[in-house]
């Protein structure tokens, strides 16, 4: 995934702008959904750094503590 000059994030393979899409995430057998940017052609998902290090990290710690 790359950012173009107009700050849209595009798929590195297909050069298509990513679109918001409801995405199913799975961690240690637990499924949950989040609205993330995804390539409309190949389905590759972009997870922003802030989300990965913030909310998703919190979910990871919570699930590992169970």
C-alpha atoms as a PDB file:
ATOM      1  CA  UNK A   1       0.000   0.000   0.000  1.00  0.00           C
ATOM      2  CA  UNK A   2       1.329   3.415  -0.887  1.00  0.00           C
ATOM      3  CA  UNK A   3       0.179   6.979  -0.389  1.00  0.00           C
ATOM      4  CA  UNK A   4      -0.165   9.074  -3.513  1.00  0.00           C
ATOM      5  CA  UNK A   5       0.438  12.828  -3.723  1.00  0.00           C
ATOM      6  CA  UNK A   6      -3.205  13.649  -2.935  1.00  0.00           C
ATOM      7  CA  UNK A   7      -2.930  11.652   0.329  1.00  0.00           C
ATOM      8  CA  UNK A   8      -5.220   8.827  -0.789  1.00  0.00           C
ATOM      9  CA  UNK A   9      -3.900   5.395  -0.002  1.00  0.00           C
ATOM     10  CA  UNK A  10      -3.708   3.126  -3.029  1.00  0.00           C
ATOM     11  CA  UNK A  11      -3.084  -0.586  -3.497  1.00  0.00           C
ATOM     12  CA  UNK A  12       0.558  -1.220  -4.400  1.00  0.00           C
ATOM     13  CA  UNK A  13      -0.371  -4.026  -6.781  1.00  0.00           C
ATOM     14  CA  UNK A  14      -3.417  -2.593  -8.580  1.00  0.00           C
ATOM     15  CA  UNK A  15      -2.900   1.164  -8.069  1.00  0.00           C
ATOM     16  CA  UNK A  16      -6.546   1.506  -7.055  1.00  0.00           C
ATOM     17  CA  UNK A  17      -7.621   3.800  -4.211  1.00  0.00           C
ATOM     18  CA  UNK A  18      -8.591   1.923  -1.082  1.00  0.00           C
ATOM     19  CA  UNK A  19     -12.192   2.179   0.072  1.00  0.00           C
ATOM     20  CA  UNK A  20     -13.764   1.844   3.518  1.00  0.00           C
ATOM     21  CA  UNK A  21     -15.162  -1.631   3.988  1.00  0.00           C
ATOM     22  CA  UNK A  22     -16.472  -3.676   6.880  1.00  0.00           C
ATOM     23  CA  UNK A  23     -13.678  -6.156   7.544  1.00  0.00           C
ATOM     24  CA  UNK A  24     -13.688  -9.299   9.682  1.00  0.00           C
ATOM     25  CA  UNK A  25     -10.631  -9.628  11.893  1.00  0.00           C
ATOM     26  CA  UNK A  26      -9.666 -12.810  13.725  1.00  0.00           C
ATOM     27  CA  UNK A  27      -7.264 -13.167  16.615  1.00  0.00           C
ATOM     28  CA  UNK A  28      -6.798 -16.417  18.544  1.00  0.00           C
ATOM     29  CA  UNK A  29     -10.112 -17.722  17.257  1.00  0.00           C
ATOM     30  CA  UNK A  30     -12.089 -14.606  18.228  1.00  0.00           C
ATOM     31  CA  UNK A  31     -13.802 -12.765  15.360  1.00  0.00           C
ATOM     32  CA  UNK A  32     -14.702  -9.078  15.335  1.00  0.00           C
ATOM     33  CA  UNK A  33     -15.454  -6.495  12.671  1.00  0.00           C
ATOM     34  CA  UNK A  34     -13.926  -3.115  11.950  1.00  0.00           C
ATOM     35  CA  UNK A  35     -14.301  -0.511   9.219  1.00  0.00           C
ATOM     36  CA  UNK A  36     -10.922  -0.445   7.441  1.00  0.00           C
ATOM     37  CA  UNK A  37      -9.490   0.635   4.109  1.00  0.00           C
ATOM     38  CA  UNK A  38      -9.420  -2.235   1.619  1.00  0.00           C
ATOM     39  CA  UNK A  39      -8.499  -2.690  -2.049  1.00  0.00           C
ATOM     40  CA  UNK A  40     -11.687  -3.200  -4.067  1.00  0.00           C
ATOM     41  CA  UNK A  41      -9.921  -5.652  -6.403  1.00  0.00           C
ATOM     42  CA  UNK A  42      -7.647  -7.880  -4.309  1.00  0.00           C
ATOM     43  CA  UNK A  43      -9.098  -7.267  -0.834  1.00  0.00           C
ATOM     44  CA  UNK A  44      -5.769  -6.322   0.777  1.00  0.00           C
ATOM     45  CA  UNK A  45      -6.490  -4.404   4.003  1.00  0.00           C
ATOM     46  CA  UNK A  46      -4.630  -1.352   5.291  1.00  0.00           C
ATOM     47  CA  UNK A  47      -4.368  -1.123   9.082  1.00  0.00           C
ATOM     48  CA  UNK A  48      -3.172   2.341  10.151  1.00  0.00           C
ATOM     49  CA  UNK A  49      -0.281   2.372  12.609  1.00  0.00           C
ATOM     50  CA  UNK A  50      -2.321   4.177  15.254  1.00  0.00           C
ATOM     51  CA  UNK A  51      -5.012   1.499  15.170  1.00  0.00           C
ATOM     52  CA  UNK A  52      -2.499  -1.366  15.194  1.00  0.00           C
ATOM     53  CA  UNK A  53      -0.565   0.057  18.148  1.00  0.00           C
ATOM     54  CA  UNK A  54      -3.646   1.352  19.948  1.00  0.00           C
ATOM     55  CA  UNK A  55      -7.018  -0.353  19.906  1.00  0.00           C
ATOM     56  CA  UNK A  56      -5.925  -3.614  18.237  1.00  0.00           C
ATOM     57  CA  UNK A  57      -3.039  -3.938  20.670  1.00  0.00           C
ATOM     58  CA  UNK A  58      -5.471  -3.471  23.576  1.00  0.00           C
ATOM     59  CA  UNK A  59      -7.720  -6.219  22.164  1.00  0.00           C
ATOM     60  CA  UNK A  60      -4.686  -8.491  21.746  1.00  0.00           C
ATOM     61  CA  UNK A  61      -3.656  -8.003  25.387  1.00  0.00           C
ATOM     62  CA  UNK A  62      -7.221  -8.545  26.635  1.00  0.00           C
ATOM     63  CA  UNK A  63      -7.581 -11.799  24.689  1.00  0.00           C
ATOM     64  CA  UNK A  64      -4.191 -13.088  25.806  1.00  0.00           C
ATOM     65  CA  UNK A  65      -5.078 -12.424  29.460  1.00  0.00           C
ATOM     66  CA  UNK A  66      -8.111 -14.743  29.217  1.00  0.00           C
END
